[in-house]
Protein backbone atom coordinates (compact mmCIF):
# COMPACT_ATOMS: atom_id res chain seq x y z
CA MET A 1 -0.01 -0.10 0.01
CA PRO A 2 0.92 3.41 -0.60
CA SER A 3 2.54 5.34 1.79
CA LEU A 4 0.55 8.88 2.79
CA LEU A 5 2.90 11.37 1.17
CA GLU A 6 2.21 8.93 -2.08
CA GLN A 7 -1.46 8.76 -1.74
CA LEU A 8 -1.13 13.10 -1.25
CA GLN A 9 0.69 12.96 -4.19
CA ALA A 10 -1.40 11.07 -6.11
CA GLY A 11 -4.69 12.98 -4.48
CA ILE A 12 -7.09 12.12 -2.23
CA THR A 13 -10.49 12.37 -1.98
CA THR A 14 -12.60 12.76 1.25
CA GLN A 15 -16.71 13.27 1.50
CA SER A 16 -16.67 14.67 4.91
CA ALA A 17 -15.03 17.56 7.48
CA GLU A 18 -13.87 14.66 9.56
CA ALA A 19 -12.40 12.69 6.27
CA THR A 20 -10.55 15.27 5.65
CA GLU A 21 -9.23 16.36 9.15
CA GLN A 22 -8.45 12.93 9.63
CA ILE A 23 -5.91 13.02 7.06
CA ALA A 24 -4.05 15.90 8.45
CA ARG A 25 -3.89 14.21 11.72
CA GLU A 26 -1.77 11.69 9.55
CA LEU A 27 0.10 13.82 8.02
CA ALA A 28 0.63 16.10 11.06
CA ALA A 29 3.46 13.42 11.88
CA LEU A 30 5.31 13.66 8.79
CA VAL A 31 5.63 17.35 8.67
CA PRO A 32 9.46 18.50 9.09
CA GLU A 33 9.35 21.00 12.19
CA ASP A 34 9.29 24.43 11.33
CA THR A 35 7.72 24.06 7.64
CA VAL A 36 5.76 26.26 5.86
CA LEU A 37 2.62 24.79 3.89
CA ALA A 38 0.79 26.28 1.44
CA PHE A 39 -2.93 25.69 0.92
CA HIS A 40 -4.17 26.78 -2.69
CA GLY A 41 -7.92 26.45 -3.44
CA ASP A 42 -10.90 28.59 -3.22
CA LEU A 43 -13.39 29.06 -0.65
CA GLY A 44 -14.89 25.95 1.23
CA ALA A 45 -12.05 23.75 -0.79
CA GLY A 46 -11.05 22.52 3.16
CA LYS A 47 -8.07 24.83 3.66
CA THR A 48 -9.40 25.65 7.42
CA THR A 49 -10.73 22.45 7.98
CA PHE A 50 -7.08 20.55 7.16
CA ILE A 51 -5.41 23.32 8.83
CA ARG A 52 -7.87 22.08 12.43
CA GLY A 53 -6.99 18.76 11.67
CA LEU A 54 -3.07 19.94 11.82
CA ALA A 55 -3.75 21.51 15.36
CA ARG A 56 -5.47 18.62 16.93
CA ALA A 57 -2.74 16.63 15.89
CA TRP A 58 -0.43 19.00 17.71
CA ASP A 59 -2.36 19.39 20.36
CA ILE A 60 -4.23 22.63 20.24
CA GLU A 61 -7.74 22.88 21.84
CA GLU A 62 -8.22 25.95 20.92
CA PRO A 63 -11.26 26.74 17.92
CA VAL A 64 -9.22 27.34 14.72
CA THR A 65 -11.28 29.05 12.58
CA SER A 66 -9.98 30.91 9.44
CA PRO A 67 -8.07 34.38 10.31
CA THR A 68 -9.32 36.55 7.52
CA PHE A 69 -9.52 39.78 9.46
CA ASN A 70 -6.79 39.48 11.61
CA LEU A 71 -4.36 38.00 8.99
CA TYR A 72 -2.79 35.16 11.27
CA THR A 73 -3.18 33.54 14.42
CA LEU A 74 -0.71 32.04 16.63
CA TYR A 75 -1.72 28.86 18.21
CA GLU A 76 0.36 26.85 20.95
CA GLY A 77 0.40 22.76 21.44
CA ASN A 78 3.30 20.63 21.16
CA ARG A 79 4.10 22.67 18.07
CA GLN A 80 3.00 26.31 17.80
CA LEU A 81 0.64 26.62 14.52
CA ILE A 82 0.84 30.44 12.88
CA HIS A 83 -2.46 30.08 10.69
CA LEU A 84 -1.61 33.13 7.74
CA ASP A 85 -4.86 34.31 5.65
CA ALA A 86 -2.39 36.13 3.00
CA TYR A 87 -5.81 36.94 1.02
CA ARG A 88 -5.28 40.93 1.99
CA LEU A 89 -2.04 40.83 1.51
CA GLU A 90 -0.27 42.36 -1.86
CA SER A 91 2.88 40.87 -1.22
CA GLY A 92 6.31 39.56 0.50
CA ALA A 93 6.60 43.70 1.51
CA ASP A 94 3.19 43.17 3.64
CA LEU A 95 3.93 39.73 4.86
CA ASP A 96 7.64 41.36 6.17
CA ALA A 97 5.38 44.36 7.82
CA LEU A 98 2.92 41.75 10.16
CA MET A 99 6.69 40.58 11.75
CA ILE A 100 5.36 36.93 11.83
CA ASP A 101 9.28 35.95 12.60
CA ASP A 102 9.34 37.66 15.84
CA PHE A 103 6.37 35.71 17.57
CA MET A 104 7.63 31.91 15.88
CA HIS A 105 10.10 29.19 18.00
CA SER A 106 10.87 26.27 17.03
CA PRO A 107 8.76 24.01 16.32
CA TRP A 108 6.86 25.79 14.78
CA CYS A 109 4.42 25.32 11.24
CA LEU A 110 3.31 28.06 8.92
CA ALA A 111 0.53 27.48 7.28
CA VAL A 112 -1.10 29.69 4.57
CA GLU A 113 -4.10 30.08 3.02
CA TRP A 114 -3.76 32.05 -0.40
CA PRO A 115 -0.18 31.65 -0.88
CA GLU A 116 0.13 32.92 -4.32
CA ARG A 117 -0.53 36.51 -3.02
CA ILE A 118 2.93 36.26 -1.62
CA ALA A 119 4.85 33.66 -3.41
CA ASN A 120 7.52 35.15 -3.82
CA SER A 121 8.35 35.04 0.04
CA LEU A 122 7.69 31.34 0.49
CA PRO A 123 10.95 29.59 1.25
CA GLU A 124 11.67 26.81 -2.07
CA ASP A 125 11.04 23.78 0.41
CA THR A 126 7.41 25.20 0.92
CA TRP A 127 4.83 21.90 0.87
CA HIS A 128 2.17 23.26 -1.28
CA LEU A 129 -1.31 21.14 -1.00
CA TYR A 130 -4.09 22.06 -3.62
CA LEU A 131 -7.71 21.50 -2.20
CA GLY A 132 -11.24 21.48 -4.63
CA ILE A 133 -14.26 20.60 -4.31
CA ASP A 134 -16.14 18.88 -7.05
CA GLU A 135 -19.96 19.19 -7.60
CA ASN A 136 -20.95 16.54 -5.72
CA LEU A 137 -19.53 17.91 -2.63
CA ALA A 138 -16.30 15.72 -2.46
CA HIS A 139 -13.67 17.44 -1.38
CA THR A 140 -9.62 16.70 -3.48
CA ILE A 141 -6.58 16.96 -1.46
CA ARG A 142 -3.08 16.95 -3.22
CA LEU A 143 0.76 17.58 -2.12
CA LYS A 144 2.81 19.22 -4.70
């Protein structure tokens, strides 16, 4: 049977938010410390749901919601999770102005929604996850 990373590279389809969160929980154990995860996908594709699954795997109990209005949220568990919504950012300069680096402490994971807005500021080793939803409301997750 293929590993989870191999399955994600081929693409996984889920039928519920719970199943999407479960995939994220399993992936959390494989994400290296101090890593950026870029979440691509339209509204409703499951980006925040996936990030919630990561948070639960890292023993973060507080509610995980999209940080649209405050741009980013810091969560503390056995790994620090920084959840960034880059939709309202214009460039990497806007990202730098947020001074997120000043709040990060290892081990951390920066989870970025709408990463295309700051693509030039993401490190080369960023993991890119593409989430989608089809007409039957099935969710797809692919790691590139």
